[in-house]
Amino acid sequence: RMSSLKPEDAAVYYCAVPKDPVNYSSNYDDLPAYEYWGQGTQV
């Protein structure tokens, strides 16, 4: 849920599933930690 949107929020937004959910709390912002990606949705 995105509110008070700003022009700088414009982007393609992707959802992703990590390879190893057990260690998610330590690498959630690490791109290589993800195994599956959606096609993206433009905002």
PDB file of all heavy atoms in Angstrom:
ATOM      1  N   ARG A   1       0.846  -1.176   0.000  1.00  0.00           N
ATOM      2  CA  ARG A   1       0.000   0.000   0.000  1.00  0.00           C
ATOM      3  C   ARG A   1       0.885   1.230   0.000  1.00  0.00           C
ATOM      4  O   ARG A   1       1.748   1.389   0.864  1.00  0.00           O
ATOM      5  CB  ARG A   1      -0.890   0.000   1.239  1.00  0.00           C
ATOM      6  CG  ARG A   1      -1.741   1.258   1.428  1.00  0.00           C
ATOM      7  CD  ARG A   1      -2.838   1.378   0.415  1.00  0.00           C
ATOM      8  NE  ARG A   1      -3.674   2.551   0.635  1.00  0.00           N
ATOM      9  CZ  ARG A   1      -4.658   2.927  -0.168  1.00  0.00           C
ATOM     10  NH1 ARG A   1      -4.935   2.219  -1.251  1.00  0.00           N
ATOM     11  NH2 ARG A   1      -5.368   3.991   0.112  1.00  0.00           N
ATOM     12  N   MET A   2       0.711   2.080  -1.003  1.00  0.00           N
ATOM     13  CA  MET A   2       1.531   3.279  -1.140  1.00  0.00           C
ATOM     14  C   MET A   2       0.626   4.501  -1.113  1.00  0.00           C
ATOM     15  O   MET A   2      -0.329   4.591  -1.889  1.00  0.00           O
ATOM     16  CB  MET A   2       2.315   3.242  -2.450  1.00  0.00           C
ATOM     17  CG  MET A   2       3.135   1.968  -2.630  1.00  0.00           C
ATOM     18  SD  MET A   2       4.169   1.997  -4.107  1.00  0.00           S
ATOM     19  CE  MET A   2       2.923   2.019  -5.387  1.00  0.00           C
ATOM     20  N   SER A   3       0.929   5.413  -0.221  1.00  0.00           N
ATOM     21  CA  SER A   3       0.142   6.629  -0.138  1.00  0.00           C
ATOM     22  C   SER A   3       1.066   7.844  -0.167  1.00  0.00           C
ATOM     23  O   SER A   3       2.294   7.697  -0.067  1.00  0.00           O
ATOM     24  CB  SER A   3      -0.708   6.635   1.132  1.00  0.00           C
ATOM     25  OG  SER A   3       0.123   6.546   2.278  1.00  0.00           O
ATOM     26  N   SER A   4       0.487   9.006  -0.310  1.00  0.00           N
ATOM     27  CA  SER A   4       1.265  10.250  -0.414  1.00  0.00           C
ATOM     28  C   SER A   4       2.401  10.095  -1.421  1.00  0.00           C
ATOM     29  O   SER A   4       3.545  10.465  -1.162  1.00  0.00           O
ATOM     30  CB  SER A   4       1.834  10.645   0.956  1.00  0.00           C
ATOM     31  OG  SER A   4       0.796  10.828   1.898  1.00  0.00           O
ATOM     32  N   LEU A   5       2.063   9.539  -2.560  1.00  0.00           N
ATOM     33  CA  LEU A   5       3.079   9.229  -3.563  1.00  0.00           C
ATOM     34  C   LEU A   5       3.754  10.492  -4.086  1.00  0.00           C
ATOM     35  O   LEU A   5       3.114  11.547  -4.239  1.00  0.00           O
ATOM     36  CB  LEU A   5       2.463   8.440  -4.705  1.00  0.00           C
ATOM     37  CG  LEU A   5       2.245   6.952  -4.391  1.00  0.00           C
ATOM     38  CD1 LEU A   5       1.255   6.332  -5.348  1.00  0.00           C
ATOM     39  CD2 LEU A   5       3.574   6.214  -4.441  1.00  0.00           C
ATOM     40  N   LYS A   6       5.045  10.356  -4.349  1.00  0.00           N
ATOM     41  CA  LYS A   6       5.863  11.442  -4.856  1.00  0.00           C
ATOM     42  C   LYS A   6       6.370  11.063  -6.247  1.00  0.00           C
ATOM     43  O   LYS A   6       6.483   9.873  -6.568  1.00  0.00           O
ATOM     44  CB  LYS A   6       7.059  11.680  -3.923  1.00  0.00           C
ATOM     45  CG  LYS A   6       6.683  11.923  -2.469  1.00  0.00           C
ATOM     46  CD  LYS A   6       7.932  12.010  -1.607  1.00  0.00           C
ATOM     47  CE  LYS A   6       7.596  12.193  -0.137  1.00  0.00           C
ATOM     48  NZ  LYS A   6       8.823  12.252   0.703  1.00  0.00           N
ATOM     49  N   PRO A   7       6.715  12.060  -7.060  1.00  0.00           N
ATOM     50  CA  PRO A   7       7.258  11.731  -8.387  1.00  0.00           C
ATOM     51  C   PRO A   7       8.469  10.801  -8.317  1.00  0.00           C
ATOM     52  O   PRO A   7       8.651   9.957  -9.204  1.00  0.00           O
ATOM     53  CB  PRO A   7       7.632  13.104  -8.951  1.00  0.00           C
ATOM     54  CG  PRO A   7       6.654  14.036  -8.299  1.00  0.00           C
ATOM     55  CD  PRO A   7       6.480  13.493  -6.904  1.00  0.00           C
ATOM     56  N   GLU A   8       9.267  10.908  -7.270  1.00  0.00           N
ATOM     57  CA  GLU A   8      10.445  10.042  -7.149  1.00  0.00           C
ATOM     58  C   GLU A   8      10.109   8.599  -6.800  1.00  0.00           C
ATOM     59  O   GLU A   8      10.985   7.737  -6.802  1.00  0.00           O
ATOM     60  CB  GLU A   8      11.438  10.603  -6.117  1.00  0.00           C
ATOM     61  CG  GLU A   8      10.833  10.897  -4.762  1.00  0.00           C
ATOM     62  CD  GLU A   8      10.462  12.358  -4.607  1.00  0.00           C
ATOM     63  OE1 GLU A   8       9.914  12.960  -5.571  1.00  0.00           O
ATOM     64  OE2 GLU A   8      10.702  12.904  -3.519  1.00  0.00           O
ATOM     65  N   ASP A   9       8.844   8.324  -6.495  1.00  0.00           N
ATOM     66  CA  ASP A   9       8.413   6.942  -6.268  1.00  0.00           C
ATOM     67  C   ASP A   9       8.121   6.225  -7.583  1.00  0.00           C
ATOM     68  O   ASP A   9       7.903   5.007  -7.588  1.00  0.00           O
ATOM     69  CB  ASP A   9       7.147   6.906  -5.407  1.00  0.00           C
ATOM     70  CG  ASP A   9       7.392   7.398  -3.986  1.00  0.00           C
ATOM     71  OD1 ASP A   9       8.442   7.054  -3.411  1.00  0.00           O
ATOM     72  OD2 ASP A   9       6.522   8.128  -3.466  1.00  0.00           O
ATOM     73  N   ALA A  10       8.091   6.962  -8.669  1.00  0.00           N
ATOM     74  CA  ALA A  10       7.809   6.348  -9.964  1.00  0.00           C
ATOM     75  C   ALA A  10       8.890   5.341 -10.327  1.00  0.00           C
ATOM     76  O   ALA A  10      10.084   5.641 -10.243  1.00  0.00           O
ATOM     77  CB  ALA A  10       7.709   7.421 -11.043  1.00  0.00           C
ATOM     78  N   ALA A  11       8.466   4.153 -10.702  1.00  0.00           N
ATOM     79  CA  ALA A  11       9.403   3.065 -11.008  1.00  0.00           C
ATOM     80  C   ALA A  11       8.594   1.858 -11.461  1.00  0.00           C
ATOM     81  O   ALA A  11       7.365   1.859 -11.388  1.00  0.00           O
ATOM     82  CB  ALA A  11      10.230   2.707  -9.775  1.00  0.00           C
ATOM     83  N   VAL A  12       9.310   0.842 -11.894  1.00  0.00           N
ATOM     84  CA  VAL A  12       8.692  -0.468 -12.066  1.00  0.00           C
ATOM     85  C   VAL A  12       8.872  -1.203 -10.745  1.00  0.00           C
ATOM     86  O   VAL A  12       9.989  -1.296 -10.221  1.00  0.00           O
ATOM     87  CB  VAL A  12       9.325  -1.262 -13.216  1.00  0.00           C
ATOM     88  CG1 VAL A  12       8.672  -2.642 -13.324  1.00  0.00           C
ATOM     89  CG2 VAL A  12       9.187  -0.497 -14.524  1.00  0.00           C
ATOM     90  N   TYR A  13       7.790  -1.686 -10.210  1.00  0.00           N
ATOM     91  CA  TYR A  13       7.815  -2.383  -8.928  1.00  0.00           C
ATOM     92  C   TYR A  13       7.720  -3.876  -9.182  1.00  0.00           C
ATOM     93  O   TYR A  13       6.862  -4.343  -9.938  1.00  0.00           O
ATOM     94  CB  TYR A  13       6.660  -1.913  -8.052  1.00  0.00           C
ATOM     95  CG  TYR A  13       6.917  -0.555  -7.425  1.00  0.00           C
ATOM     96  CD1 TYR A  13       6.885   0.601  -8.210  1.00  0.00           C
ATOM     97  CD2 TYR A  13       7.218  -0.432  -6.075  1.00  0.00           C
ATOM     98  CE1 TYR A  13       7.146   1.848  -7.646  1.00  0.00           C
ATOM     99  CE2 TYR A  13       7.483   0.806  -5.501  1.00  0.00           C
ATOM    100  CZ  TYR A  13       7.442   1.936  -6.293  1.00  0.00           C
ATOM    101  OH  TYR A  13       7.704   3.162  -5.741  1.00  0.00           O
ATOM    102  N   TYR A  14       8.624  -4.615  -8.540  1.00  0.00           N
ATOM    103  CA  TYR A  14       8.699  -6.059  -8.690  1.00  0.00           C
ATOM    104  C   TYR A  14       8.503  -6.740  -7.344  1.00  0.00           C
ATOM    105  O   TYR A  14       9.000  -6.258  -6.315  1.00  0.00           O
ATOM    106  CB  TYR A  14      10.074  -6.479  -9.212  1.00  0.00           C
ATOM    107  CG  TYR A  14      10.453  -5.933 -10.556  1.00  0.00           C
ATOM    108  CD1 TYR A  14      11.110  -4.705 -10.682  1.00  0.00           C
ATOM    109  CD2 TYR A  14      10.192  -6.649 -11.718  1.00  0.00           C
ATOM    110  CE1 TYR A  14      11.479  -4.199 -11.914  1.00  0.00           C
ATOM    111  CE2 TYR A  14      10.559  -6.166 -12.961  1.00  0.00           C
ATOM    112  CZ  TYR A  14      11.193  -4.940 -13.039  1.00  0.00           C
ATOM    113  OH  TYR A  14      11.555  -4.460 -14.277  1.00  0.00           O
ATOM    114  N   CYS A  15       7.835  -7.854  -7.359  1.00  0.00           N
ATOM    115  CA  CYS A  15       7.846  -8.686  -6.165  1.00  0.00           C
ATOM    116  C   CYS A  15       8.804  -9.849  -6.401  1.00  0.00           C
ATOM    117  O   CYS A  15       9.085 -10.227  -7.543  1.00  0.00           O
ATOM    118  CB  CYS A  15       6.460  -9.169  -5.778  1.00  0.00           C
ATOM    119  SG  CYS A  15       5.673 -10.281  -6.926  1.00  0.00           S
ATOM    120  N   ALA A  16       9.293 -10.391  -5.305  1.00  0.00           N
ATOM    121  CA  ALA A  16      10.317 -11.425  -5.405  1.00  0.00           C
ATOM    122  C   ALA A  16      10.242 -12.363  -4.210  1.00  0.00           C
ATOM    123  O   ALA A  16       9.822 -11.968  -3.119  1.00  0.00           O
ATOM    124  CB  ALA A  16      11.704 -10.792  -5.482  1.00  0.00           C
ATOM    125  N   VAL A  17      10.692 -13.578  -4.445  1.00  0.00           N
ATOM    126  CA  VAL A  17      10.733 -14.607  -3.407  1.00  0.00           C
ATOM    127  C   VAL A  17      12.179 -15.012  -3.198  1.00  0.00           C
ATOM    128  O   VAL A  17      12.886 -15.304  -4.174  1.00  0.00           O
ATOM    129  CB  VAL A  17       9.880 -15.826  -3.816  1.00  0.00           C
ATOM    130  CG1 VAL A  17      10.151 -17.010  -2.899  1.00  0.00           C
ATOM    131  CG2 VAL A  17       8.405 -15.463  -3.799  1.00  0.00           C
ATOM    132  N   PRO A  18      12.628 -15.060  -1.954  1.00  0.00           N
ATOM    133  CA  PRO A  18      14.030 -15.386  -1.707  1.00  0.00           C
ATOM    134  C   PRO A  18      14.319 -16.879  -1.851  1.00  0.00           C
ATOM    135  O   PRO A  18      13.441 -17.718  -1.754  1.00  0.00           O
ATOM    136  CB  PRO A  18      14.239 -14.949  -0.256  1.00  0.00           C
ATOM    137  CG  PRO A  18      12.893 -15.108   0.365  1.00  0.00           C
ATOM    138  CD  PRO A  18      11.911 -14.751  -0.708  1.00  0.00           C
ATOM    139  N   LYS A  19      15.612 -17.178  -2.095  1.00  0.00           N
ATOM    140  CA  LYS A  19      16.034 -18.575  -2.194  1.00  0.00           C
ATOM    141  C   LYS A  19      15.914 -19.255  -0.841  1.00  0.00           C
ATOM    142  O   LYS A  19      15.588 -20.435  -0.751  1.00  0.00           O
ATOM    143  CB  LYS A  19      17.497 -18.630  -2.662  1.00  0.00           C
ATOM    144  CG  LYS A  19      17.752 -18.020  -4.020  1.00  0.00           C
ATOM    145  CD  LYS A  19      19.244 -17.986  -4.315  1.00  0.00           C
ATOM    146  CE  LYS A  19      19.528 -17.252  -5.610  1.00  0.00           C
ATOM    147  NZ  LYS A  19      20.981 -17.128  -5.871  1.00  0.00           N
ATOM    148  N   ASP A  20      16.260 -18.529   0.202  1.00  0.00           N
ATOM    149  CA  ASP A  20      16.372 -19.130   1.528  1.00  0.00           C
ATOM    150  C   ASP A  20      15.600 -18.295   2.546  1.00  0.00           C
ATOM    151  O   ASP A  20      16.157 -17.379   3.140  1.00  0.00           O
ATOM    152  CB  ASP A  20      17.847 -19.227   1.921  1.00  0.00           C
ATOM    153  CG  ASP A  20      18.048 -19.827   3.296  1.00  0.00           C
ATOM    154  OD1 ASP A  20      17.072 -20.375   3.857  1.00  0.00           O
ATOM    155  OD2 ASP A  20      19.172 -19.731   3.827  1.00  0.00           O
ATOM    156  N   PRO A  21      14.341 -18.612   2.760  1.00  0.00           N
ATOM    157  CA  PRO A  21      13.552 -17.801   3.687  1.00  0.00           C
ATOM    158  C   PRO A  21      14.044 -17.882   5.126  1.00  0.00           C
ATOM    159  O   PRO A  21      13.776 -16.990   5.931  1.00  0.00           O
ATOM    160  CB  PRO A  21      12.146 -18.367   3.542  1.00  0.00           C
ATOM    161  CG  PRO A  21      12.337 -19.744   3.014  1.00  0.00           C
ATOM    162  CD  PRO A  21      13.555 -19.686   2.158  1.00  0.00           C
ATOM    163  N   VAL A  22      14.786 -18.925   5.447  1.00  0.00           N
ATOM    164  CA  VAL A  22      15.274 -19.079   6.818  1.00  0.00           C
ATOM    165  C   VAL A  22      16.194 -17.919   7.195  1.00  0.00           C
ATOM    166  O   VAL A  22      16.160 -17.414   8.308  1.00  0.00           O
ATOM    167  CB  VAL A  22      16.006 -20.424   6.968  1.00  0.00           C
ATOM    168  CG1 VAL A  22      16.667 -20.521   8.336  1.00  0.00           C
ATOM    169  CG2 VAL A  22      15.038 -21.579   6.756  1.00  0.00           C
ATOM    170  N   ASN A  23      17.011 -17.486   6.235  1.00  0.00           N
ATOM    171  CA  ASN A  23      17.958 -16.397   6.494  1.00  0.00           C
ATOM    172  C   ASN A  23      17.457 -15.048   5.997  1.00  0.00           C
ATOM    173  O   ASN A  23      18.230 -14.108   5.840  1.00  0.00           O
ATOM    174  CB  ASN A  23      19.299 -16.708   5.828  1.00  0.00           C
ATOM    175  CG  ASN A  23      19.971 -17.903   6.462  1.00  0.00           C
ATOM    176  OD1 ASN A  23      20.071 -17.980   7.686  1.00  0.00           O
ATOM    177  ND2 ASN A  23      20.430 -18.837   5.646  1.00  0.00           N
ATOM    178  N   TYR A  24      16.188 -14.967   5.771  1.00  0.00           N
ATOM    179  CA  TYR A  24      15.603 -13.762   5.176  1.00  0.00           C
ATOM    180  C   TYR A  24      15.907 -12.509   5.985  1.00  0.00           C
ATOM    181  O   TYR A  24      16.206 -11.454   5.420  1.00  0.00           O
ATOM    182  CB  TYR A  24      14.092 -13.959   5.055  1.00  0.00           C
ATOM    183  CG  TYR A  24      13.352 -12.806   4.434  1.00  0.00           C
ATOM    184  CD1 TYR A  24      13.507 -12.491   3.090  1.00  0.00           C
ATOM    185  CD2 TYR A  24      12.467 -12.040   5.186  1.00  0.00           C
ATOM    186  CE1 TYR A  24      12.818 -11.446   2.515  1.00  0.00           C
ATOM    187  CE2 TYR A  24      11.768 -10.991   4.616  1.00  0.00           C
ATOM    188  CZ  TYR A  24      11.943 -10.697   3.288  1.00  0.00           C
ATOM    189  OH  TYR A  24      11.255  -9.656   2.720  1.00  0.00           O
ATOM    190  N   SER A  25      15.860 -12.591   7.278  1.00  0.00           N
ATOM    191  CA  SER A  25      16.044 -11.405   8.112  1.00  0.00           C
ATOM    192  C   SER A  25      17.455 -10.817   7.994  1.00  0.00           C
ATOM    193  O   SER A  25      17.673  -9.658   8.347  1.00  0.00           O
ATOM    194  CB  SER A  25      15.736 -11.716   9.573  1.00  0.00           C
ATOM    195  OG  SER A  25      16.609 -12.719  10.053  1.00  0.00           O
ATOM    196  N   SER A  26      18.390 -11.593   7.473  1.00  0.00           N
ATOM    197  CA  SER A  26      19.764 -11.099   7.359  1.00  0.00           C
ATOM    198  C   SER A  26      20.135 -10.688   5.936  1.00  0.00           C
ATOM    199  O   SER A  26      21.173 -10.047   5.737  1.00  0.00           O
ATOM    200  CB  SER A  26      20.740 -12.161   7.859  1.00  0.00           C
ATOM    201  OG  SER A  26      20.650 -13.333   7.076  1.00  0.00           O
ATOM    202  N   ASN A  27      19.333 -11.044   4.950  1.00  0.00           N
ATOM    203  CA  ASN A  27      19.690 -10.713   3.572  1.00  0.00           C
ATOM    204  C   ASN A  27      18.514 -10.265   2.721  1.00  0.00           C
ATOM    205  O   ASN A  27      18.552 -10.359   1.503  1.00  0.00           O
ATOM    206  CB  ASN A  27      20.389 -11.891   2.902  1.00  0.00           C
ATOM    207  CG  ASN A  27      19.523 -13.130   2.842  1.00  0.00           C
ATOM    208  OD1 ASN A  27      18.320 -13.065   3.101  1.00  0.00           O
ATOM    209  ND2 ASN A  27      20.110 -14.262   2.502  1.00  0.00           N
ATOM    210  N   TYR A  28      17.487  -9.725   3.354  1.00  0.00           N
ATOM    211  CA  TYR A  28      16.259  -9.398   2.622  1.00  0.00           C
ATOM    212  C   TYR A  28      16.482  -8.322   1.566  1.00  0.00           C
ATOM    213  O   TYR A  28      15.715  -8.215   0.633  1.00  0.00           O
ATOM    214  CB  TYR A  28      15.159  -8.966   3.584  1.00  0.00           C
ATOM    215  CG  TYR A  28      15.517  -7.823   4.491  1.00  0.00           C
ATOM    216  CD1 TYR A  28      15.450  -6.513   4.055  1.00  0.00           C
ATOM    217  CD2 TYR A  28      15.935  -8.058   5.793  1.00  0.00           C
ATOM    218  CE1 TYR A  28      15.784  -5.461   4.888  1.00  0.00           C
ATOM    219  CE2 TYR A  28      16.274  -7.012   6.643  1.00  0.00           C
ATOM    220  CZ  TYR A  28      16.188  -5.719   6.179  1.00  0.00           C
ATOM    221  OH  TYR A  28      16.527  -4.689   7.001  1.00  0.00           O
ATOM    222  N   ASP A  29      17.508  -7.482   1.709  1.00  0.00           N
ATOM    223  CA  ASP A  29      17.718  -6.416   0.737  1.00  0.00           C
ATOM    224  C   ASP A  29      18.828  -6.740  -0.256  1.00  0.00           C
ATOM    225  O   ASP A  29      19.301  -5.858  -0.988  1.00  0.00           O
ATOM    226  CB  ASP A  29      18.013  -5.093   1.428  1.00  0.00           C
ATOM    227  CG  ASP A  29      19.212  -5.173   2.357  1.00  0.00           C
ATOM    228  OD1 ASP A  29      19.735  -6.279   2.566  1.00  0.00           O
ATOM    229  OD2 ASP A  29      19.628  -4.126   2.882  1.00  0.00           O
ATOM    230  N   ASP A  30      19.229  -8.008  -0.309  1.00  0.00           N
ATOM    231  CA  ASP A  30      20.338  -8.445  -1.151  1.00  0.00           C
ATOM    232  C   ASP A  30      19.778  -9.085  -2.423  1.00  0.00           C
ATOM    233  O   ASP A  30      19.182 -10.159  -2.386  1.00  0.00           O
ATOM    234  CB  ASP A  30      21.189  -9.441  -0.363  1.00  0.00           C
ATOM    235  CG  ASP A  30      22.449  -9.789  -1.086  1.00  0.00           C
ATOM    236  OD1 ASP A  30      22.781  -9.119  -2.083  1.00  0.00           O
ATOM    237  OD2 ASP A  30      23.131 -10.745  -0.653  1.00  0.00           O
ATOM    238  N   LEU A  31      19.979  -8.443  -3.575  1.00  0.00           N
ATOM    239  CA  LEU A  31      19.406  -8.939  -4.817  1.00  0.00           C
ATOM    240  C   LEU A  31      19.735 -10.411  -5.110  1.00  0.00           C
ATOM    241  O   LEU A  31      18.853 -11.162  -5.496  1.00  0.00           O
ATOM    242  CB  LEU A  31      19.873  -8.072  -5.982  1.00  0.00           C
ATOM    243  CG  LEU A  31      19.117  -6.765  -6.216  1.00  0.00           C
ATOM    244  CD1 LEU A  31      19.835  -5.938  -7.275  1.00  0.00           C
ATOM    245  CD2 LEU A  31      17.690  -7.028  -6.637  1.00  0.00           C
ATOM    246  N   PRO A  32      20.990 -10.838  -4.959  1.00  0.00           N
ATOM    247  CA  PRO A  32      21.312 -12.249  -5.260  1.00  0.00           C
ATOM    248  C   PRO A  32      20.607 -13.253  -4.351  1.00  0.00           C
ATOM    249  O   PRO A  32      20.624 -14.452  -4.642  1.00  0.00           O
ATOM    250  CB  PRO A  32      22.830 -12.310  -5.050  1.00  0.00           C
ATOM    251  CG  PRO A  32      23.302 -10.918  -5.238  1.00  0.00           C
ATOM    252  CD  PRO A  32      22.198 -10.067  -4.675  1.00  0.00           C
ATOM    253  N   ALA A  33      20.008 -12.768  -3.282  1.00  0.00           N
ATOM    254  CA  ALA A  33      19.311 -13.686  -2.370  1.00  0.00           C
ATOM    255  C   ALA A  33      17.973 -14.136  -2.919  1.00  0.00           C
ATOM    256  O   ALA A  33      17.326 -15.001  -2.331  1.00  0.00           O
ATOM    257  CB  ALA A  33      19.119 -13.027  -1.007  1.00  0.00           C
ATOM    258  N   TYR A  34      17.547 -13.551  -4.048  1.00  0.00           N
ATOM    259  CA  TYR A  34      16.220 -13.843  -4.570  1.00  0.00           C
ATOM    260  C   TYR A  34      16.261 -14.803  -5.736  1.00  0.00           C
ATOM    261  O   TYR A  34      17.116 -14.714  -6.608  1.00  0.00           O
ATOM    262  CB  TYR A  34      15.509 -12.539  -4.951  1.00  0.00           C
ATOM    263  CG  TYR A  34      15.120 -11.781  -3.716  1.00  0.00           C
ATOM    264  CD1 TYR A  34      16.036 -10.962  -3.065  1.00  0.00           C
ATOM    265  CD2 TYR A  34      13.867 -11.953  -3.144  1.00  0.00           C
ATOM    266  CE1 TYR A  34      15.691 -10.313  -1.893  1.00  0.00           C
ATOM    267  CE2 TYR A  34      13.517 -11.300  -1.976  1.00  0.00           C
ATOM    268  CZ  TYR A  34      14.439 -10.490  -1.345  1.00  0.00           C
ATOM    269  OH  TYR A  34      14.109  -9.853  -0.174  1.00  0.00           O
ATOM    270  N   GLU A  35      15.281 -15.700  -5.721  1.00  0.00           N
ATOM    271  CA  GLU A  35      15.241 -16.753  -6.739  1.00  0.00           C
ATOM    272  C   GLU A  35      14.181 -16.500  -7.803  1.00  0.00           C
ATOM    273  O   GLU A  35      14.382 -16.834  -8.963  1.00  0.00           O
ATOM    274  CB  GLU A  35      14.977 -18.090  -6.043  1.00  0.00           C
ATOM    275  CG  GLU A  35      14.988 -19.301  -6.956  1.00  0.00           C
ATOM    276  CD  GLU A  35      14.932 -20.594  -6.182  1.00  0.00           C
ATOM    277  OE1 GLU A  35      14.584 -20.568  -4.987  1.00  0.00           O
ATOM    278  OE2 GLU A  35      15.242 -21.644  -6.772  1.00  0.00           O
ATOM    279  N   TYR A  36      13.071 -15.926  -7.392  1.00  0.00           N
ATOM    280  CA  TYR A  36      11.963 -15.740  -8.333  1.00  0.00           C
ATOM    281  C   TYR A  36      11.528 -14.284  -8.335  1.00  0.00           C
ATOM    282  O   TYR A  36      11.467 -13.622  -7.282  1.00  0.00           O
ATOM    283  CB  TYR A  36      10.772 -16.625  -7.936  1.00  0.00           C
ATOM    284  CG  TYR A  36      11.093 -18.094  -7.961  1.00  0.00           C
ATOM    285  CD1 TYR A  36      11.284 -18.798  -6.777  1.00  0.00           C
ATOM    286  CD2 TYR A  36      11.205 -18.778  -9.167  1.00  0.00           C
ATOM    287  CE1 TYR A  36      11.571 -20.146  -6.785  1.00  0.00           C
ATOM    288  CE2 TYR A  36      11.499 -20.131  -9.189  1.00  0.00           C
ATOM    289  CZ  TYR A  36      11.684 -20.809  -7.997  1.00  0.00           C
ATOM    290  OH  TYR A  36      11.975 -22.143  -8.017  1.00  0.00           O
ATOM    291  N   TRP A  37      11.195 -13.826  -9.525  1.00  0.00           N
ATOM    292  CA  TRP A  37      10.769 -12.443  -9.720  1.00  0.00           C
ATOM    293  C   TRP A  37       9.503 -12.394 -10.555  1.00  0.00           C
ATOM    294  O   TRP A  37       9.305 -13.223 -11.446  1.00  0.00           O
ATOM    295  CB  TRP A  37      11.857 -11.643 -10.440  1.00  0.00           C
ATOM    296  CG  TRP A  37      13.097 -11.489  -9.648  1.00  0.00           C
ATOM    297  CD1 TRP A  37      14.147 -12.350  -9.579  1.00  0.00           C
ATOM    298  CD2 TRP A  37      13.442 -10.388  -8.801  1.00  0.00           C
ATOM    299  NE1 TRP A  37      15.114 -11.864  -8.738  1.00  0.00           N
ATOM    300  CE2 TRP A  37      14.701 -10.647  -8.251  1.00  0.00           C
ATOM    301  CE3 TRP A  37      12.789  -9.192  -8.453  1.00  0.00           C
ATOM    302  CZ2 TRP A  37      15.335  -9.771  -7.364  1.00  0.00           C
ATOM    303  CZ3 TRP A  37      13.407  -8.321  -7.584  1.00  0.00           C
ATOM    304  CH2 TRP A  37      14.677  -8.609  -7.044  1.00  0.00           C
ATOM    305  N   GLY A  38       8.672 -11.412 -10.264  1.00  0.00           N
ATOM    306  CA  GLY A  38       7.536 -11.153 -11.121  1.00  0.00           C
ATOM    307  C   GLY A  38       7.958 -10.330 -12.322  1.00  0.00           C
ATOM    308  O   GLY A  38       9.129  -9.953 -12.458  1.00  0.00           O
ATOM    309  N   GLN A  39       6.995 -10.020 -13.177  1.00  0.00           N
ATOM    310  CA  GLN A  39       7.290  -9.289 -14.401  1.00  0.00           C
ATOM    311  C   GLN A  39       7.333  -7.786 -14.169  1.00  0.00           C
ATOM    312  O   GLN A  39       7.807  -7.046 -15.030  1.00  0.00           O
ATOM    313  CB  GLN A  39       6.257  -9.619 -15.478  1.00  0.00           C
ATOM    314  CG  GLN A  39       4.941  -8.856 -15.404  1.00  0.00           C
ATOM    315  CD  GLN A  39       4.059  -9.276 -14.233  1.00  0.00           C
ATOM    316  OE1 GLN A  39       4.321 -10.269 -13.562  1.00  0.00           O
ATOM    317  NE2 GLN A  39       2.986  -8.524 -13.995  1.00  0.00           N
ATOM    318  N   GLY A  40       6.850  -7.343 -13.034  1.00  0.00           N
ATOM    319  CA  GLY A  40       6.877  -5.924 -12.690  1.00  0.00           C
ATOM    320  C   GLY A  40       5.590  -5.215 -13.044  1.00  0.00           C
ATOM    321  O   GLY A  40       4.861  -5.622 -13.956  1.00  0.00           O
ATOM    322  N   THR A  41       5.312  -4.168 -12.315  1.00  0.00           N
ATOM    323  CA  THR A  41       4.161  -3.316 -12.600  1.00  0.00           C
ATOM    324  C   THR A  41       4.626  -1.864 -12.524  1.00  0.00           C
ATOM    325  O   THR A  41       5.328  -1.476 -11.584  1.00  0.00           O
ATOM    326  CB  THR A  41       2.987  -3.599 -11.634  1.00  0.00           C
ATOM    327  OG1 THR A  41       1.851  -2.829 -12.018  1.00  0.00           O
ATOM    328  CG2 THR A  41       3.336  -3.291 -10.186  1.00  0.00           C
ATOM    329  N   GLN A  42       4.244  -1.083 -13.535  1.00  0.00           N
ATOM    330  CA  GLN A  42       4.727   0.283 -13.646  1.00  0.00           C
ATOM    331  C   GLN A  42       3.913   1.212 -12.753  1.00  0.00           C
ATOM    332  O   GLN A  42       2.681   1.197 -12.784  1.00  0.00           O
ATOM    333  CB  GLN A  42       4.622   0.757 -15.092  1.00  0.00           C
ATOM    334  CG  GLN A  42       5.023   2.210 -15.322  1.00  0.00           C
ATOM    335  CD  GLN A  42       6.512   2.425 -15.197  1.00  0.00           C
ATOM    336  OE1 GLN A  42       7.309   1.742 -15.837  1.00  0.00           O
ATOM    337  NE2 GLN A  42       6.908   3.402 -14.381  1.00  0.00           N
ATOM    338  N   VAL A  43       4.605   2.027 -12.005  1.00  0.00           N
ATOM    339  CA  VAL A  43       3.970   3.087 -11.218  1.00  0.00           C
ATOM    340  C   VAL A  43       4.479   4.423 -11.746  1.00  0.00           C
ATOM    341  O   VAL A  43       5.690   4.651 -11.791  1.00  0.00           O
ATOM    342  CB  VAL A  43       4.301   2.941  -9.721  1.00  0.00           C
ATOM    343  CG1 VAL A  43       3.821   4.172  -8.944  1.00  0.00           C
ATOM    344  CG2 VAL A  43       3.665   1.673  -9.166  1.00  0.00           C
TER     345      VAL A  43
END
